Amino acid sequence: MLTLVLLVSCTGHLLIAFGVPHSLYAASVIMGFCFGAQWPLIFAIISELFGLKYYSTLYTLGGGASPLGAYILNVRITGHLYDKEAMKQMAANGLIRKEGEDLSCVGVECYKLAFLIITATTLVGFFVSSILVIRTRKFYKGIYTRSSESKILQQVEKLE
């Protein structure tokens, strides 16, 4: 499920990156849904992969990954690229930035590269999640088969 959520979130990022007309609300809904769906899935996956013995520690580390990723992607990458594009727009208009003056950027180009980088990062997560799905498929299929067989046996015992 996380794999699907990551793939769908790429759609939202690309809608914003390329400035598809009238897609801002749809992209916001897609990205909001995906962000909201990722959290319960991530913590369920942590318990599935590593068990419950150190769950509180892993929960904290999993929760700490979001602010770290947000800082790197939002402040360091997106902020830097926005400032660079704003300076480029000022230079194209023949303006010079004074010390302490705010930068203002207009248009899709302000965030395009940043959203493409975020999309690429999300795609990496999608591929890692896909590998995890492929590697654990046999294990979960065995659990499902045993669970189904035990339910059938219980129903047969009730009938007898």
C-alpha atoms as a PDB file:
ATOM      1  CA  MET A   1       0.000   0.000   0.000  1.00  0.00           C
ATOM      2  CA  LEU A   2       2.845   2.399   0.813  1.00  0.00           C
ATOM      3  CA  THR A   3       4.247   1.716  -2.638  1.00  0.00           C
ATOM      4  CA  LEU A   4       0.990   2.849  -4.238  1.00  0.00           C
ATOM      5  CA  VAL A   5       0.773   5.930  -2.004  1.00  0.00           C
ATOM      6  CA  LEU A   6       4.302   6.980  -2.971  1.00  0.00           C
ATOM      7  CA  LEU A   7       3.546   6.543  -6.663  1.00  0.00           C
ATOM      8  CA  VAL A   8       0.336   8.579  -6.402  1.00  0.00           C
ATOM      9  CA  SER A   9       2.155  11.348  -4.519  1.00  0.00           C
ATOM     10  CA  CYS A  10       4.565  11.621  -7.458  1.00  0.00           C
ATOM     11  CA  THR A  11       1.554  12.555  -9.570  1.00  0.00           C
ATOM     12  CA  GLY A  12       0.725  15.439  -7.239  1.00  0.00           C
ATOM     13  CA  HIS A  13       4.306  16.690  -7.233  1.00  0.00           C
ATOM     14  CA  LEU A  14       4.494  16.570 -11.030  1.00  0.00           C
ATOM     15  CA  LEU A  15       1.188  18.435 -11.417  1.00  0.00           C
ATOM     16  CA  ILE A  16       2.651  21.307  -9.426  1.00  0.00           C
ATOM     17  CA  ALA A  17       6.121  21.104 -11.002  1.00  0.00           C
ATOM     18  CA  PHE A  18       4.780  21.521 -14.517  1.00  0.00           C
ATOM     19  CA  GLY A  19       2.022  23.981 -13.618  1.00  0.00           C
ATOM     20  CA  VAL A  20      -0.784  22.036 -15.260  1.00  0.00           C
ATOM     21  CA  PRO A  21      -3.667  24.528 -15.601  1.00  0.00           C
ATOM     22  CA  HIS A  22      -6.404  24.242 -12.944  1.00  0.00           C
ATOM     23  CA  SER A  23      -4.587  21.439 -11.148  1.00  0.00           C
ATOM     24  CA  LEU A  24      -3.476  23.145  -7.942  1.00  0.00           C
ATOM     25  CA  TYR A  25      -6.470  21.977  -5.895  1.00  0.00           C
ATOM     26  CA  ALA A  26      -6.317  18.449  -7.274  1.00  0.00           C
ATOM     27  CA  ALA A  27      -2.570  18.286  -6.611  1.00  0.00           C
ATOM     28  CA  SER A  28      -3.106  19.600  -3.070  1.00  0.00           C
ATOM     29  CA  VAL A  29      -5.753  16.958  -2.376  1.00  0.00           C
ATOM     30  CA  ILE A  30      -3.554  14.203  -3.825  1.00  0.00           C
ATOM     31  CA  MET A  31      -0.504  15.263  -1.832  1.00  0.00           C
ATOM     32  CA  GLY A  32      -2.507  15.780   1.366  1.00  0.00           C
ATOM     33  CA  PHE A  33      -4.108  12.357   1.053  1.00  0.00           C
ATOM     34  CA  CYS A  34      -0.754  10.721   0.394  1.00  0.00           C
ATOM     35  CA  PHE A  35       0.975  12.473   3.277  1.00  0.00           C
ATOM     36  CA  GLY A  36      -1.874  11.494   5.598  1.00  0.00           C
ATOM     37  CA  ALA A  37      -1.791   7.894   4.391  1.00  0.00           C
ATOM     38  CA  GLN A  38       1.977   7.541   4.745  1.00  0.00           C
ATOM     39  CA  TRP A  39       2.116   8.010   8.517  1.00  0.00           C
ATOM     40  CA  PRO A  40      -0.038   5.112   9.657  1.00  0.00           C
ATOM     41  CA  LEU A  41       1.524   2.909   6.989  1.00  0.00           C
ATOM     42  CA  ILE A  42       5.087   3.754   7.991  1.00  0.00           C
ATOM     43  CA  PHE A  43       4.494   2.919  11.642  1.00  0.00           C
ATOM     44  CA  ALA A  44       2.682  -0.306  10.766  1.00  0.00           C
ATOM     45  CA  ILE A  45       5.598  -1.270   8.516  1.00  0.00           C
ATOM     46  CA  ILE A  46       8.087  -0.502  11.300  1.00  0.00           C
ATOM     47  CA  SER A  47       6.264  -2.901  13.624  1.00  0.00           C
ATOM     48  CA  GLU A  48       6.001  -5.543  10.885  1.00  0.00           C
ATOM     49  CA  LEU A  49       9.670  -5.410   9.919  1.00  0.00           C
ATOM     50  CA  PHE A  50      11.312  -4.980  13.297  1.00  0.00           C
ATOM     51  CA  GLY A  51       8.762  -6.309  15.778  1.00  0.00           C
ATOM     52  CA  LEU A  52       7.539  -4.640  18.931  1.00  0.00           C
ATOM     53  CA  LYS A  53      10.534  -5.125  21.229  1.00  0.00           C
ATOM     54  CA  TYR A  54      12.139  -1.781  20.303  1.00  0.00           C
ATOM     55  CA  TYR A  55       9.033  -0.218  18.772  1.00  0.00           C
ATOM     56  CA  SER A  56       9.109   2.970  20.854  1.00  0.00           C
ATOM     57  CA  THR A  57      12.694   3.709  19.811  1.00  0.00           C
ATOM     58  CA  LEU A  58      11.965   2.956  16.163  1.00  0.00           C
ATOM     59  CA  TYR A  59       8.741   5.003  16.365  1.00  0.00           C
ATOM     60  CA  THR A  60      10.775   7.982  17.550  1.00  0.00           C
ATOM     61  CA  LEU A  61      13.339   7.511  14.782  1.00  0.00           C
ATOM     62  CA  GLY A  62      10.562   7.156  12.202  1.00  0.00           C
ATOM     63  CA  GLY A  63       8.923  10.321  13.492  1.00  0.00           C
ATOM     64  CA  GLY A  64      12.249  12.141  13.405  1.00  0.00           C
ATOM     65  CA  ALA A  65      12.786  11.303   9.764  1.00  0.00           C
ATOM     66  CA  SER A  66      10.012  13.667   8.671  1.00  0.00           C
ATOM     67  CA  PRO A  67      11.422  16.878  10.173  1.00  0.00           C
ATOM     68  CA  LEU A  68      14.895  15.986   8.938  1.00  0.00           C
ATOM     69  CA  GLY A  69      13.635  15.311   5.416  1.00  0.00           C
ATOM     70  CA  ALA A  70      11.468  18.436   5.509  1.00  0.00           C
ATOM     71  CA  TYR A  71      14.442  20.560   6.546  1.00  0.00           C
ATOM     72  CA  ILE A  72      16.699  19.170   3.839  1.00  0.00           C
ATOM     73  CA  LEU A  73      14.125  19.243   1.041  1.00  0.00           C
ATOM     74  CA  ASN A  74      12.239  22.422   2.033  1.00  0.00           C
ATOM     75  CA  VAL A  75      14.882  24.703   3.498  1.00  0.00           C
ATOM     76  CA  ARG A  76      18.133  23.618   1.940  1.00  0.00           C
ATOM     77  CA  ILE A  77      17.038  22.560  -1.538  1.00  0.00           C
ATOM     78  CA  THR A  78      13.753  24.366  -2.231  1.00  0.00           C
ATOM     79  CA  GLY A  79      14.770  27.597  -0.495  1.00  0.00           C
ATOM     80  CA  HIS A  80      18.090  27.727  -2.303  1.00  0.00           C
ATOM     81  CA  LEU A  81      16.514  27.040  -5.703  1.00  0.00           C
ATOM     82  CA  TYR A  82      13.766  29.633  -5.089  1.00  0.00           C
ATOM     83  CA  ASP A  83      16.334  32.301  -4.200  1.00  0.00           C
ATOM     84  CA  LYS A  84      18.412  31.413  -7.256  1.00  0.00           C
ATOM     85  CA  GLU A  85      15.388  31.702  -9.581  1.00  0.00           C
ATOM     86  CA  ALA A  86      14.288  34.971  -7.938  1.00  0.00           C
ATOM     87  CA  MET A  87      17.756  36.436  -8.480  1.00  0.00           C
ATOM     88  CA  LYS A  88      17.633  35.295 -12.104  1.00  0.00           C
ATOM     89  CA  GLN A  89      14.250  37.026 -12.555  1.00  0.00           C
ATOM     90  CA  MET A  90      15.549  40.218 -10.931  1.00  0.00           C
ATOM     91  CA  ALA A  91      18.579  40.221 -13.235  1.00  0.00           C
ATOM     92  CA  ALA A  92      16.334  39.661 -16.276  1.00  0.00           C
ATOM     93  CA  ASN A  93      14.284  42.712 -15.241  1.00  0.00           C
ATOM     94  CA  GLY A  94      17.437  44.787 -14.764  1.00  0.00           C
ATOM     95  CA  LEU A  95      17.003  45.031 -10.992  1.00  0.00           C
ATOM     96  CA  ILE A  96      19.700  44.712  -8.361  1.00  0.00           C
ATOM     97  CA  ARG A  97      18.954  43.256  -4.939  1.00  0.00           C
ATOM     98  CA  LYS A  98      19.818  45.450  -2.000  1.00  0.00           C
ATOM     99  CA  GLU A  99      21.155  43.991   1.255  1.00  0.00           C
ATOM    100  CA  GLY A 100      18.277  42.603   3.373  1.00  0.00           C
ATOM    101  CA  GLU A 101      15.680  43.054   0.633  1.00  0.00           C
ATOM    102  CA  ASP A 102      13.151  40.239   0.214  1.00  0.00           C
ATOM    103  CA  LEU A 103      13.288  38.124  -2.900  1.00  0.00           C
ATOM    104  CA  SER A 104      10.165  37.603  -4.937  1.00  0.00           C
ATOM    105  CA  CYS A 105       9.748  35.006  -7.634  1.00  0.00           C
ATOM    106  CA  VAL A 106       6.775  34.722  -9.981  1.00  0.00           C
ATOM    107  CA  GLY A 107       5.735  31.718 -12.046  1.00  0.00           C
ATOM    108  CA  VAL A 108       6.061  27.974 -12.231  1.00  0.00           C
ATOM    109  CA  GLU A 109       9.834  28.123 -12.676  1.00  0.00           C
ATOM    110  CA  CYS A 110      10.273  29.208  -9.034  1.00  0.00           C
ATOM    111  CA  TYR A 111       9.543  25.734  -7.700  1.00  0.00           C
ATOM    112  CA  LYS A 112       9.765  23.516 -10.773  1.00  0.00           C
ATOM    113  CA  LEU A 113      13.226  22.070 -10.152  1.00  0.00           C
ATOM    114  CA  ALA A 114      12.516  21.672  -6.430  1.00  0.00           C
ATOM    115  CA  PHE A 115       9.358  19.663  -7.108  1.00  0.00           C
ATOM    116  CA  LEU A 116      11.209  17.552  -9.662  1.00  0.00           C
ATOM    117  CA  ILE A 117      13.859  16.767  -7.030  1.00  0.00           C
ATOM    118  CA  ILE A 118      11.133  15.915  -4.504  1.00  0.00           C
ATOM    119  CA  THR A 119       9.482  13.697  -7.126  1.00  0.00           C
ATOM    120  CA  ALA A 120      12.789  11.925  -7.771  1.00  0.00           C
ATOM    121  CA  THR A 121      13.240  11.396  -4.025  1.00  0.00           C
ATOM    122  CA  THR A 122       9.719   9.994  -3.782  1.00  0.00           C
ATOM    123  CA  LEU A 123      10.413   7.688  -6.735  1.00  0.00           C
ATOM    124  CA  VAL A 124      13.472   6.352  -4.921  1.00  0.00           C
ATOM    125  CA  GLY A 125      11.174   5.601  -1.971  1.00  0.00           C
ATOM    126  CA  PHE A 126       8.739   3.926  -4.358  1.00  0.00           C
ATOM    127  CA  PHE A 127      11.469   1.654  -5.744  1.00  0.00           C
ATOM    128  CA  VAL A 128      12.803   0.783  -2.287  1.00  0.00           C
ATOM    129  CA  SER A 129       9.261  -0.020  -1.167  1.00  0.00           C
ATOM    130  CA  SER A 130       8.725  -2.124  -4.297  1.00  0.00           C
ATOM    131  CA  ILE A 131      11.858  -4.125  -3.537  1.00  0.00           C
ATOM    132  CA  LEU A 132      10.609  -4.688   0.007  1.00  0.00           C
ATOM    133  CA  VAL A 133       7.246  -5.873  -1.319  1.00  0.00           C
ATOM    134  CA  ILE A 134       8.901  -8.316  -3.714  1.00  0.00           C
ATOM    135  CA  ARG A 135      11.262  -9.656  -1.048  1.00  0.00           C
ATOM    136  CA  THR A 136       8.502 -10.206   1.542  1.00  0.00           C
ATOM    137  CA  ARG A 137       5.744 -11.419  -0.786  1.00  0.00           C
ATOM    138  CA  LYS A 138       6.477 -15.114  -0.192  1.00  0.00           C
ATOM    139  CA  PHE A 139       6.527 -14.643   3.592  1.00  0.00           C
ATOM    140  CA  TYR A 140       3.168 -12.848   3.700  1.00  0.00           C
ATOM    141  CA  LYS A 141       1.634 -15.276   1.236  1.00  0.00           C
ATOM    142  CA  GLY A 142       2.581 -18.103   3.632  1.00  0.00           C
ATOM    143  CA  ILE A 143       1.000 -16.271   6.565  1.00  0.00           C
ATOM    144  CA  TYR A 144      -2.189 -15.644   4.582  1.00  0.00           C
ATOM    145  CA  THR A 145      -2.353 -19.297   3.484  1.00  0.00           C
ATOM    146  CA  ARG A 146      -1.926 -20.577   7.059  1.00  0.00           C
ATOM    147  CA  SER A 147      -4.506 -18.115   8.328  1.00  0.00           C
ATOM    148  CA  SER A 148      -7.004 -19.153   5.645  1.00  0.00           C
ATOM    149  CA  GLU A 149      -6.401 -22.848   6.330  1.00  0.00           C
ATOM    150  CA  SER A 150      -6.929 -22.410  10.065  1.00  0.00           C
ATOM    151  CA  LYS A 151     -10.198 -20.544   9.457  1.00  0.00           C
ATOM    152  CA  ILE A 152     -11.423 -23.336   7.192  1.00  0.00           C
ATOM    153  CA  LEU A 153     -10.472 -25.956   9.799  1.00  0.00           C
ATOM    154  CA  GLN A 154     -12.325 -24.021  12.486  1.00  0.00           C
ATOM    155  CA  GLN A 155     -15.445 -23.866  10.316  1.00  0.00           C
ATOM    156  CA  VAL A 156     -15.237 -27.607   9.585  1.00  0.00           C
ATOM    157  CA  GLU A 157     -14.885 -28.367  13.315  1.00  0.00           C
ATOM    158  CA  LYS A 158     -17.972 -26.269  14.052  1.00  0.00           C
ATOM    159  CA  LEU A 159     -19.979 -28.237  11.492  1.00  0.00           C
ATOM    160  CA  GLU A 160     -18.978 -31.607  12.965  1.00  0.00           C
END
